[in-house]
């Protein structure tokens, strides 16, 4: 197992340990404290566990080297994992909205909603603390390892922390303001669903862009152009095409050089450019440099 893959596994397993703890605590607190918001938060934590499993599976696949059937490697599996996480979050949000909507309809028809207990309040505080710490650790490692799936999972942790904030407000209001305000509990679960949907849509947009071969950000492309222009005997880098393959970049571009240069010299310069780009964006960067003569080569 490669070092990068080991690090991703380590970070994901650490997050999984937190998710196991919080899932049990939240379900227990939601049931004992009669809190719809806390049960919704527990379902969110359970979805975290499932997405952790997805990350572990797909990162293992994406780390496989290129083969005959996958000449550019298996990096897209990591992007696919991000898509699955986004879809899972939308499904979780839908379930929470359905449950909260039913409770609100019952309340509007005169039903008394159960008052949440203080145990749910303490569970929400614990979740906010642990999940924010887990987010900070995971996003830092995701950026360091340049892993889309790990960064997506980090935002899943953050969404759980934010949903716990919504649950805390709703549960706290229902506990402190009395039975008349117990409607705040299902309302808080709707706030939880909003945060989940927001994160899910952001992840889906990112992964769909990558699967549809969207270009790299403009600032990255400008950096590539500037890097190529730093070579004195190279001019007019153009036809730049870029995309992302999992955690790696694929870059194609045309350059112009003096048509009287020997083939050996032109090839050596193209190789130098490829090496410089790999030094900047990583050794697994896929690069194609097409050399065009500034003036036609005279026929013999």
C-alpha atoms as a PDB file:
ATOM      1  CA  UNK A   1       0.000   0.000   0.000  1.00  0.00           C
ATOM      2  CA  UNK A   2       1.361   3.411  -1.027  1.00  0.00           C
ATOM      3  CA  UNK A   3       2.143   6.075   1.569  1.00  0.00           C
ATOM      4  CA  UNK A   4      -0.650   8.357   0.296  1.00  0.00           C
ATOM      5  CA  UNK A   5      -3.188   5.549   0.483  1.00  0.00           C
ATOM      6  CA  UNK A   6      -2.054   4.659   4.007  1.00  0.00           C
ATOM      7  CA  UNK A   7      -2.498   8.256   5.146  1.00  0.00           C
ATOM      8  CA  UNK A   8      -6.002   8.450   3.657  1.00  0.00           C
ATOM      9  CA  UNK A   9      -6.911   5.186   5.370  1.00  0.00           C
ATOM     10  CA  UNK A  10      -5.564   6.451   8.695  1.00  0.00           C
ATOM     11  CA  UNK A  11      -7.513   9.710   8.523  1.00  0.00           C
ATOM     12  CA  UNK A  12     -10.715   7.968   7.438  1.00  0.00           C
ATOM     13  CA  UNK A  13     -10.465   5.337  10.178  1.00  0.00           C
ATOM     14  CA  UNK A  14      -9.971   8.079  12.786  1.00  0.00           C
ATOM     15  CA  UNK A  15     -13.149   9.750  11.541  1.00  0.00           C
ATOM     16  CA  UNK A  16     -14.946   6.406  11.581  1.00  0.00           C
ATOM     17  CA  UNK A  17     -14.079   5.907  15.245  1.00  0.00           C
ATOM     18  CA  UNK A  18     -15.649   9.292  16.049  1.00  0.00           C
ATOM     19  CA  UNK A  19     -18.711   8.415  13.955  1.00  0.00           C
ATOM     20  CA  UNK A  20     -19.209   5.091  15.751  1.00  0.00           C
ATOM     21  CA  UNK A  21     -19.117   6.859  19.115  1.00  0.00           C
ATOM     22  CA  UNK A  22     -21.443   9.693  18.084  1.00  0.00           C
ATOM     23  CA  UNK A  23     -23.925   7.458  16.276  1.00  0.00           C
ATOM     24  CA  UNK A  24     -24.448   5.404  19.433  1.00  0.00           C
ATOM     25  CA  UNK A  25     -24.589   8.455  21.707  1.00  0.00           C
ATOM     26  CA  UNK A  26     -27.020  10.341  19.475  1.00  0.00           C
ATOM     27  CA  UNK A  27     -29.419   7.455  18.960  1.00  0.00           C
ATOM     28  CA  UNK A  28     -29.467   6.797  22.702  1.00  0.00           C
ATOM     29  CA  UNK A  29     -29.922  10.498  23.516  1.00  0.00           C
ATOM     30  CA  UNK A  30     -32.604  10.902  20.840  1.00  0.00           C
ATOM     31  CA  UNK A  31     -34.615   7.946  22.153  1.00  0.00           C
ATOM     32  CA  UNK A  32     -34.142   8.708  25.855  1.00  0.00           C
ATOM     33  CA  UNK A  33     -34.649  12.447  25.321  1.00  0.00           C
ATOM     34  CA  UNK A  34     -37.595  12.077  22.893  1.00  0.00           C
ATOM     35  CA  UNK A  35     -35.876  14.411  20.400  1.00  0.00           C
ATOM     36  CA  UNK A  36     -36.642  14.237  16.662  1.00  0.00           C
ATOM     37  CA  UNK A  37     -33.769  16.638  15.982  1.00  0.00           C
ATOM     38  CA  UNK A  38     -31.283  14.409  17.798  1.00  0.00           C
ATOM     39  CA  UNK A  39     -32.546  11.279  16.015  1.00  0.00           C
ATOM     40  CA  UNK A  40     -32.127  13.128  12.701  1.00  0.00           C
ATOM     41  CA  UNK A  41     -28.601  14.039  13.756  1.00  0.00           C
ATOM     42  CA  UNK A  42     -27.977  10.387  14.627  1.00  0.00           C
ATOM     43  CA  UNK A  43     -29.045   9.334  11.130  1.00  0.00           C
ATOM     44  CA  UNK A  44     -26.613  11.910   9.750  1.00  0.00           C
ATOM     45  CA  UNK A  45     -23.787  10.400  11.799  1.00  0.00           C
ATOM     46  CA  UNK A  46     -24.788   6.937  10.564  1.00  0.00           C
ATOM     47  CA  UNK A  47     -24.510   8.217   6.985  1.00  0.00           C
ATOM     48  CA  UNK A  48     -21.000   9.399   7.894  1.00  0.00           C
ATOM     49  CA  UNK A  49     -20.097   5.819   8.740  1.00  0.00           C
ATOM     50  CA  UNK A  50     -21.377   4.615   5.379  1.00  0.00           C
ATOM     51  CA  UNK A  51     -19.467   7.283   3.475  1.00  0.00           C
ATOM     52  CA  UNK A  52     -16.309   6.401   5.409  1.00  0.00           C
ATOM     53  CA  UNK A  53     -16.685   2.870   4.075  1.00  0.00           C
ATOM     54  CA  UNK A  54     -17.132   4.246   0.541  1.00  0.00           C
ATOM     55  CA  UNK A  55     -13.966   6.339   0.838  1.00  0.00           C
ATOM     56  CA  UNK A  56     -11.947   3.366   2.090  1.00  0.00           C
ATOM     57  CA  UNK A  57     -13.170   1.185  -0.773  1.00  0.00           C
ATOM     58  CA  UNK A  58     -12.821   3.656  -3.643  1.00  0.00           C
ATOM     59  CA  UNK A  59      -9.501   5.190  -2.575  1.00  0.00           C
ATOM     60  CA  UNK A  60      -8.066   1.668  -2.533  1.00  0.00           C
ATOM     61  CA  UNK A  61      -9.264   1.176  -6.111  1.00  0.00           C
ATOM     62  CA  UNK A  62      -8.184   4.636  -7.305  1.00  0.00           C
ATOM     63  CA  UNK A  63      -4.625   4.064  -6.072  1.00  0.00           C
ATOM     64  CA  UNK A  64      -4.092   1.169  -8.489  1.00  0.00           C
ATOM     65  CA  UNK A  65      -1.530   1.926 -11.212  1.00  0.00           C
ATOM     66  CA  UNK A  66      -2.445   2.361 -14.874  1.00  0.00           C
ATOM     67  CA  UNK A  67      -3.122  -0.830 -16.790  1.00  0.00           C
ATOM     68  CA  UNK A  68      -4.158  -1.898 -20.288  1.00  0.00           C
ATOM     69  CA  UNK A  69      -7.810  -1.003 -19.737  1.00  0.00           C
ATOM     70  CA  UNK A  70      -7.147   2.214 -17.780  1.00  0.00           C
ATOM     71  CA  UNK A  71      -4.227   3.992 -19.435  1.00  0.00           C
ATOM     72  CA  UNK A  72      -4.733   7.111 -17.299  1.00  0.00           C
ATOM     73  CA  UNK A  73      -4.991   5.149 -14.050  1.00  0.00           C
ATOM     74  CA  UNK A  74      -8.006   4.706 -11.767  1.00  0.00           C
ATOM     75  CA  UNK A  75      -8.224   8.195 -10.268  1.00  0.00           C
ATOM     76  CA  UNK A  76     -11.828   8.712 -11.415  1.00  0.00           C
ATOM     77  CA  UNK A  77     -12.945   6.174  -8.821  1.00  0.00           C
ATOM     78  CA  UNK A  78     -12.092   8.770  -6.176  1.00  0.00           C
ATOM     79  CA  UNK A  79     -14.327  11.278  -7.989  1.00  0.00           C
ATOM     80  CA  UNK A  80     -17.055   8.649  -8.154  1.00  0.00           C
ATOM     81  CA  UNK A  81     -16.769   8.205  -4.381  1.00  0.00           C
ATOM     82  CA  UNK A  82     -17.391  11.935  -3.966  1.00  0.00           C
ATOM     83  CA  UNK A  83     -20.551  11.626  -6.098  1.00  0.00           C
ATOM     84  CA  UNK A  84     -21.851   8.739  -4.008  1.00  0.00           C
ATOM     85  CA  UNK A  85     -21.252  10.725  -0.816  1.00  0.00           C
ATOM     86  CA  UNK A  86     -23.254  13.630  -2.266  1.00  0.00           C
ATOM     87  CA  UNK A  87     -26.165  11.382  -3.259  1.00  0.00           C
ATOM     88  CA  UNK A  88     -26.116   9.690   0.165  1.00  0.00           C
ATOM     89  CA  UNK A  89     -26.375  13.081   1.842  1.00  0.00           C
ATOM     90  CA  UNK A  90     -29.381  14.031  -0.291  1.00  0.00           C
ATOM     91  CA  UNK A  91     -31.136  10.779   0.632  1.00  0.00           C
ATOM     92  CA  UNK A  92     -30.455  11.419   4.331  1.00  0.00           C
ATOM     93  CA  UNK A  93     -31.804  14.970   4.032  1.00  0.00           C
ATOM     94  CA  UNK A  94     -34.944  13.716   2.299  1.00  0.00           C
ATOM     95  CA  UNK A  95     -35.662  11.267   5.108  1.00  0.00           C
ATOM     96  CA  UNK A  96     -35.189  13.965   7.744  1.00  0.00           C
ATOM     97  CA  UNK A  97     -37.518  16.384   5.899  1.00  0.00           C
ATOM     98  CA  UNK A  98     -40.208  13.710   5.621  1.00  0.00           C
ATOM     99  CA  UNK A  99     -40.033  12.898   9.345  1.00  0.00           C
ATOM    100  CA  UNK A 100     -40.002  16.573  10.393  1.00  0.00           C
ATOM    101  CA  UNK A 101     -42.859  17.415   8.043  1.00  0.00           C
ATOM    102  CA  UNK A 102     -45.003  14.674   9.543  1.00  0.00           C
ATOM    103  CA  UNK A 103     -44.320  15.953  13.074  1.00  0.00           C
ATOM    104  CA  UNK A 104     -45.168  19.531  12.061  1.00  0.00           C
ATOM    105  CA  UNK A 105     -48.444  18.423  10.458  1.00  0.00           C
ATOM    106  CA  UNK A 106     -49.371  16.561  13.647  1.00  0.00           C
ATOM    107  CA  UNK A 107     -48.589  19.705  15.663  1.00  0.00           C
ATOM    108  CA  UNK A 108     -50.715  21.868  13.358  1.00  0.00           C
ATOM    109  CA  UNK A 109     -53.624  19.474  13.925  1.00  0.00           C
ATOM    110  CA  UNK A 110     -53.369  19.930  17.678  1.00  0.00           C
ATOM    111  CA  UNK A 111     -51.120  17.036  18.672  1.00  0.00           C
ATOM    112  CA  UNK A 112     -48.738  17.516  21.601  1.00  0.00           C
ATOM    113  CA  UNK A 113     -45.118  16.925  20.643  1.00  0.00           C
ATOM    114  CA  UNK A 114     -42.853  15.337  23.263  1.00  0.00           C
ATOM    115  CA  UNK A 115     -40.549  17.707  25.106  1.00  0.00           C
ATOM    116  CA  UNK A 116     -36.887  16.746  24.523  1.00  0.00           C
ATOM    117  CA  UNK A 117     -34.756  15.919  27.550  1.00  0.00           C
ATOM    118  CA  UNK A 118     -31.509  17.579  28.568  1.00  0.00           C
ATOM    119  CA  UNK A 119     -29.586  14.422  27.582  1.00  0.00           C
ATOM    120  CA  UNK A 120     -30.230  15.373  23.938  1.00  0.00           C
ATOM    121  CA  UNK A 121     -28.831  18.833  24.639  1.00  0.00           C
ATOM    122  CA  UNK A 122     -25.558  17.424  26.003  1.00  0.00           C
ATOM    123  CA  UNK A 123     -25.294  15.013  23.075  1.00  0.00           C
ATOM    124  CA  UNK A 124     -25.569  17.935  20.643  1.00  0.00           C
ATOM    125  CA  UNK A 125     -22.767  19.804  22.439  1.00  0.00           C
ATOM    126  CA  UNK A 126     -20.529  16.713  22.350  1.00  0.00           C
ATOM    127  CA  UNK A 127     -21.233  16.242  18.636  1.00  0.00           C
ATOM    128  CA  UNK A 128     -20.345  19.836  17.779  1.00  0.00           C
ATOM    129  CA  UNK A 129     -17.012  19.587  19.586  1.00  0.00           C
ATOM    130  CA  UNK A 130     -15.921  16.204  18.229  1.00  0.00           C
ATOM    131  CA  UNK A 131     -17.150  16.788  14.689  1.00  0.00           C
ATOM    132  CA  UNK A 132     -15.488  20.175  14.311  1.00  0.00           C
ATOM    133  CA  UNK A 133     -12.182  18.702  15.519  1.00  0.00           C
ATOM    134  CA  UNK A 134     -12.596  15.804  13.067  1.00  0.00           C
ATOM    135  CA  UNK A 135     -13.352  18.231  10.217  1.00  0.00           C
ATOM    136  CA  UNK A 136     -10.238  20.317  10.907  1.00  0.00           C
ATOM    137  CA  UNK A 137      -8.020  17.220  10.961  1.00  0.00           C
ATOM    138  CA  UNK A 138      -9.568  15.635   7.852  1.00  0.00           C
ATOM    139  CA  UNK A 139      -9.623  18.772   5.675  1.00  0.00           C
ATOM    140  CA  UNK A 140      -6.005  19.541   6.578  1.00  0.00           C
ATOM    141  CA  UNK A 141      -4.918  16.050   5.536  1.00  0.00           C
ATOM    142  CA  UNK A 142      -7.162  16.108   2.462  1.00  0.00           C
ATOM    143  CA  UNK A 143      -5.455  19.272   1.223  1.00  0.00           C
ATOM    144  CA  UNK A 144      -2.024  17.908   2.079  1.00  0.00           C
ATOM    145  CA  UNK A 145      -2.693  14.653   0.184  1.00  0.00           C
ATOM    146  CA  UNK A 146      -4.753  16.400  -2.523  1.00  0.00           C
ATOM    147  CA  UNK A 147      -7.549  13.838  -2.127  1.00  0.00           C
ATOM    148  CA  UNK A 148     -11.026  14.861  -3.423  1.00  0.00           C
ATOM    149  CA  UNK A 149     -12.714  11.999  -1.563  1.00  0.00           C
ATOM    150  CA  UNK A 150     -10.995  12.900   1.720  1.00  0.00           C
ATOM    151  CA  UNK A 151     -11.921  16.568   1.337  1.00  0.00           C
ATOM    152  CA  UNK A 152     -15.511  15.567   0.541  1.00  0.00           C
ATOM    153  CA  UNK A 153     -15.603  13.424   3.647  1.00  0.00           C
ATOM    154  CA  UNK A 154     -14.218  16.341   5.678  1.00  0.00           C
ATOM    155  CA  UNK A 155     -17.133  18.520   4.574  1.00  0.00           C
ATOM    156  CA  UNK A 156     -19.444  15.691   5.560  1.00  0.00           C
ATOM    157  CA  UNK A 157     -17.961  15.966   9.066  1.00  0.00           C
ATOM    158  CA  UNK A 158     -18.479  19.742   8.988  1.00  0.00           C
ATOM    159  CA  UNK A 159     -22.097  19.311   7.878  1.00  0.00           C
ATOM    160  CA  UNK A 160     -22.617  17.014  10.850  1.00  0.00           C
ATOM    161  CA  UNK A 161     -21.170  19.662  13.178  1.00  0.00           C
ATOM    162  CA  UNK A 162     -23.396  22.347  11.644  1.00  0.00           C
ATOM    163  CA  UNK A 163     -26.462  20.128  11.843  1.00  0.00           C
ATOM    164  CA  UNK A 164     -25.693  19.566  15.515  1.00  0.00           C
ATOM    165  CA  UNK A 165     -25.670  23.349  15.979  1.00  0.00           C
ATOM    166  CA  UNK A 166     -29.179  23.465  14.489  1.00  0.00           C
ATOM    167  CA  UNK A 167     -30.228  20.582  16.710  1.00  0.00           C
ATOM    168  CA  UNK A 168     -28.728  22.342  19.747  1.00  0.00           C
ATOM    169  CA  UNK A 169     -30.734  25.514  19.107  1.00  0.00           C
ATOM    170  CA  UNK A 170     -33.984  23.621  18.566  1.00  0.00           C
ATOM    171  CA  UNK A 171     -33.529  21.243  21.472  1.00  0.00           C
ATOM    172  CA  UNK A 172     -32.344  24.046  23.752  1.00  0.00           C
ATOM    173  CA  UNK A 173     -35.354  26.188  22.867  1.00  0.00           C
ATOM    174  CA  UNK A 174     -37.781  23.317  23.439  1.00  0.00           C
ATOM    175  CA  UNK A 175     -36.153  22.415  26.763  1.00  0.00           C
ATOM    176  CA  UNK A 176     -35.809  25.942  28.159  1.00  0.00           C
ATOM    177  CA  UNK A 177     -39.030  27.524  26.858  1.00  0.00           C
ATOM    178  CA  UNK A 178     -41.410  24.766  27.885  1.00  0.00           C
ATOM    179  CA  UNK A 179     -43.879  22.391  26.224  1.00  0.00           C
ATOM    180  CA  UNK A 180     -45.484  25.172  24.223  1.00  0.00           C
ATOM    181  CA  UNK A 181     -42.293  25.449  22.181  1.00  0.00           C
ATOM    182  CA  UNK A 182     -41.632  21.749  21.564  1.00  0.00           C
ATOM    183  CA  UNK A 183     -42.295  22.461  17.875  1.00  0.00           C
ATOM    184  CA  UNK A 184     -38.772  23.902  17.789  1.00  0.00           C
ATOM    185  CA  UNK A 185     -37.405  20.341  17.894  1.00  0.00           C
ATOM    186  CA  UNK A 186     -38.772  19.193  14.477  1.00  0.00           C
ATOM    187  CA  UNK A 187     -38.051  22.676  13.099  1.00  0.00           C
ATOM    188  CA  UNK A 188     -34.431  22.176  14.142  1.00  0.00           C
ATOM    189  CA  UNK A 189     -34.332  18.885  12.253  1.00  0.00           C
ATOM    190  CA  UNK A 190     -35.364  20.830   9.118  1.00  0.00           C
ATOM    191  CA  UNK A 191     -32.387  23.131   9.718  1.00  0.00           C
ATOM    192  CA  UNK A 192     -30.233  19.997   9.919  1.00  0.00           C
ATOM    193  CA  UNK A 193     -31.601  18.876   6.551  1.00  0.00           C
ATOM    194  CA  UNK A 194     -30.830  22.282   5.009  1.00  0.00           C
ATOM    195  CA  UNK A 195     -27.161  22.056   5.982  1.00  0.00           C
ATOM    196  CA  UNK A 196     -26.957  18.514   4.642  1.00  0.00           C
ATOM    197  CA  UNK A 197     -28.492  19.474   1.281  1.00  0.00           C
ATOM    198  CA  UNK A 198     -26.163  22.455   0.935  1.00  0.00           C
ATOM    199  CA  UNK A 199     -23.068  20.296   1.388  1.00  0.00           C
ATOM    200  CA  UNK A 200     -24.464  17.535  -0.860  1.00  0.00           C
ATOM    201  CA  UNK A 201     -25.077  19.913  -3.773  1.00  0.00           C
ATOM    202  CA  UNK A 202     -21.579  21.378  -3.484  1.00  0.00           C
ATOM    203  CA  UNK A 203     -20.006  17.911  -3.557  1.00  0.00           C
ATOM    204  CA  UNK A 204     -22.160  16.794  -6.484  1.00  0.00           C
ATOM    205  CA  UNK A 205     -21.259  19.890  -8.515  1.00  0.00           C
ATOM    206  CA  UNK A 206     -17.562  19.289  -7.892  1.00  0.00           C
ATOM    207  CA  UNK A 207     -17.701  15.607  -8.819  1.00  0.00           C
ATOM    208  CA  UNK A 208     -19.943  16.125 -11.868  1.00  0.00           C
ATOM    209  CA  UNK A 209     -17.553  18.799 -13.165  1.00  0.00           C
ATOM    210  CA  UNK A 210     -14.670  16.338 -12.876  1.00  0.00           C
ATOM    211  CA  UNK A 211     -16.599  13.458 -14.466  1.00  0.00           C
ATOM    212  CA  UNK A 212     -17.609  15.779 -17.328  1.00  0.00           C
ATOM    213  CA  UNK A 213     -13.925  16.682 -17.874  1.00  0.00           C
ATOM    214  CA  UNK A 214     -14.231  20.295 -16.713  1.00  0.00           C
ATOM    215  CA  UNK A 215     -11.067  22.356 -17.076  1.00  0.00           C
ATOM    216  CA  UNK A 216      -8.859  23.123 -14.103  1.00  0.00           C
ATOM    217  CA  UNK A 217      -9.415  26.493 -12.372  1.00  0.00           C
ATOM    218  CA  UNK A 218      -8.268  29.516 -14.356  1.00  0.00           C
ATOM    219  CA  UNK A 219      -5.539  30.365 -11.847  1.00  0.00           C
ATOM    220  CA  UNK A 220      -4.030  26.883 -12.304  1.00  0.00           C
ATOM    221  CA  UNK A 221      -4.064  27.232 -16.093  1.00  0.00           C
ATOM    222  CA  UNK A 222      -2.436  30.667 -15.848  1.00  0.00           C
ATOM    223  CA  UNK A 223       0.268  29.176 -13.662  1.00  0.00           C
ATOM    224  CA  UNK A 224       0.931  26.526 -16.305  1.00  0.00           C
ATOM    225  CA  UNK A 225       1.204  29.190 -19.022  1.00  0.00           C
ATOM    226  CA  UNK A 226       3.588  31.269 -16.899  1.00  0.00           C
ATOM    227  CA  UNK A 227       5.728  28.223 -16.174  1.00  0.00           C
ATOM    228  CA  UNK A 228       6.044  27.394 -19.888  1.00  0.00           C
ATOM    229  CA  UNK A 229       6.829  31.020 -20.765  1.00  0.00           C
ATOM    230  CA  UNK A 230       9.735  30.948 -18.313  1.00  0.00           C
ATOM    231  CA  UNK A 231      11.748  28.936 -20.871  1.00  0.00           C
ATOM    232  CA  UNK A 232      13.600  31.460 -23.097  1.00  0.00           C
ATOM    233  CA  UNK A 233      13.483  29.461 -26.351  1.00  0.00           C
ATOM    234  CA  UNK A 234       9.762  28.632 -26.103  1.00  0.00           C
ATOM    235  CA  UNK A 235       6.939  30.941 -27.231  1.00  0.00           C
ATOM    236  CA  UNK A 236       3.167  31.160 -27.574  1.00  0.00           C
ATOM    237  CA  UNK A 237       1.869  28.276 -25.420  1.00  0.00           C
ATOM    238  CA  UNK A 238      -1.645  27.610 -26.762  1.00  0.00           C
ATOM    239  CA  UNK A 239      -4.376  24.981 -27.184  1.00  0.00           C
ATOM    240  CA  UNK A 240      -4.113  24.340 -23.455  1.00  0.00           C
ATOM    241  CA  UNK A 241      -6.423  21.560 -22.318  1.00  0.00           C
ATOM    242  CA  UNK A 242      -6.631  20.529 -18.702  1.00  0.00           C
ATOM    243  CA  UNK A 243      -8.700  18.201 -16.541  1.00  0.00           C
ATOM    244  CA  UNK A 244      -8.550  16.366 -13.272  1.00  0.00           C
ATOM    245  CA  UNK A 245      -8.203  12.600 -12.849  1.00  0.00           C
ATOM    246  CA  UNK A 246      -8.910  11.911  -9.187  1.00  0.00           C
ATOM    247  CA  UNK A 247      -6.086  13.601  -7.301  1.00  0.00           C
ATOM    248  CA  UNK A 248      -3.932  14.107 -10.431  1.00  0.00           C
ATOM    249  CA  UNK A 249      -3.931  16.602 -13.295  1.00  0.00           C
ATOM    250  CA  UNK A 250      -3.922  15.894 -17.040  1.00  0.00           C
ATOM    251  CA  UNK A 251      -2.412  18.689 -19.154  1.00  0.00           C
ATOM    252  CA  UNK A 252      -2.084  19.045 -22.935  1.00  0.00           C
ATOM    253  CA  UNK A 253      -0.644  22.081 -24.700  1.00  0.00           C
ATOM    254  CA  UNK A 254       1.101  23.284 -27.865  1.00  0.00           C
ATOM    255  CA  UNK A 255       4.260  25.389 -27.890  1.00  0.00           C
ATOM    256  CA  UNK A 256       6.280  27.075 -30.621  1.00  0.00           C
ATOM    257  CA  UNK A 257      10.059  26.849 -31.082  1.00  0.00           C
ATOM    258  CA  UNK A 258      12.592  27.852 -33.725  1.00  0.00           C
ATOM    259  CA  UNK A 259      12.009  25.628 -36.763  1.00  0.00           C
ATOM    260  CA  UNK A 260      15.748  25.367 -37.395  1.00  0.00           C
ATOM    261  CA  UNK A 261      16.357  23.583 -34.095  1.00  0.00           C
ATOM    262  CA  UNK A 262      17.285  19.923 -34.299  1.00  0.00           C
ATOM    263  CA  UNK A 263      14.680  17.322 -33.344  1.00  0.00           C
ATOM    264  CA  UNK A 264      16.903  16.267 -30.445  1.00  0.00           C
ATOM    265  CA  UNK A 265      17.011  19.827 -29.083  1.00  0.00           C
ATOM    266  CA  UNK A 266      13.246  20.370 -29.460  1.00  0.00           C
ATOM    267  CA  UNK A 267      12.489  17.038 -27.788  1.00  0.00           C
ATOM    268  CA  UNK A 268      14.830  17.834 -24.912  1.00  0.00           C
ATOM    269  CA  UNK A 269      13.104  21.173 -24.308  1.00  0.00           C
ATOM    270  CA  UNK A 270       9.645  19.547 -24.345  1.00  0.00           C
ATOM    271  CA  UNK A 271      10.942  17.016 -21.815  1.00  0.00           C
ATOM    272  CA  UNK A 272      12.266  19.853 -19.621  1.00  0.00           C
ATOM    273  CA  UNK A 273       8.824  21.471 -19.653  1.00  0.00           C
ATOM    274  CA  UNK A 274       7.167  18.197 -18.679  1.00  0.00           C
ATOM    275  CA  UNK A 275       9.577  17.735 -15.795  1.00  0.00           C
ATOM    276  CA  UNK A 276       9.033  21.295 -14.542  1.00  0.00           C
ATOM    277  CA  UNK A 277       5.249  20.811 -14.590  1.00  0.00           C
ATOM    278  CA  UNK A 278       5.575  17.512 -12.725  1.00  0.00           C
ATOM    279  CA  UNK A 279       7.765  19.181 -10.122  1.00  0.00           C
ATOM    280  CA  UNK A 280       4.979  21.704  -9.562  1.00  0.00           C
ATOM    281  CA  UNK A 281       1.863  19.516  -9.747  1.00  0.00           C
ATOM    282  CA  UNK A 282       3.150  16.069  -8.822  1.00  0.00           C
ATOM    283  CA  UNK A 283       4.994  13.165 -10.480  1.00  0.00           C
ATOM    284  CA  UNK A 284       1.751  11.464 -11.548  1.00  0.00           C
ATOM    285  CA  UNK A 285       0.659  14.435 -13.669  1.00  0.00           C
ATOM    286  CA  UNK A 286      -0.188  13.386 -17.240  1.00  0.00           C
ATOM    287  CA  UNK A 287       1.433  15.813 -19.707  1.00  0.00           C
ATOM    288  CA  UNK A 288       1.461  16.032 -23.503  1.00  0.00           C
ATOM    289  CA  UNK A 289       3.533  18.790 -25.130  1.00  0.00           C
ATOM    290  CA  UNK A 290       3.184  19.300 -28.898  1.00  0.00           C
ATOM    291  CA  UNK A 291       6.000  21.315 -30.509  1.00  0.00           C
ATOM    292  CA  UNK A 292       5.297  23.530 -33.548  1.00  0.00           C
ATOM    293  CA  UNK A 293       8.014  25.305 -35.634  1.00  0.00           C
ATOM    294  CA  UNK A 294       7.945  29.087 -35.723  1.00  0.00           C
ATOM    295  CA  UNK A 295       8.914  28.941 -39.417  1.00  0.00           C
ATOM    296  CA  UNK A 296       8.759  26.015 -41.842  1.00  0.00           C
ATOM    297  CA  UNK A 297      11.729  23.719 -42.006  1.00  0.00           C
ATOM    298  CA  UNK A 298      13.406  24.010 -45.419  1.00  0.00           C
ATOM    299  CA  UNK A 299      13.101  20.917 -47.574  1.00  0.00           C
ATOM    300  CA  UNK A 300      16.301  19.238 -48.693  1.00  0.00           C
END
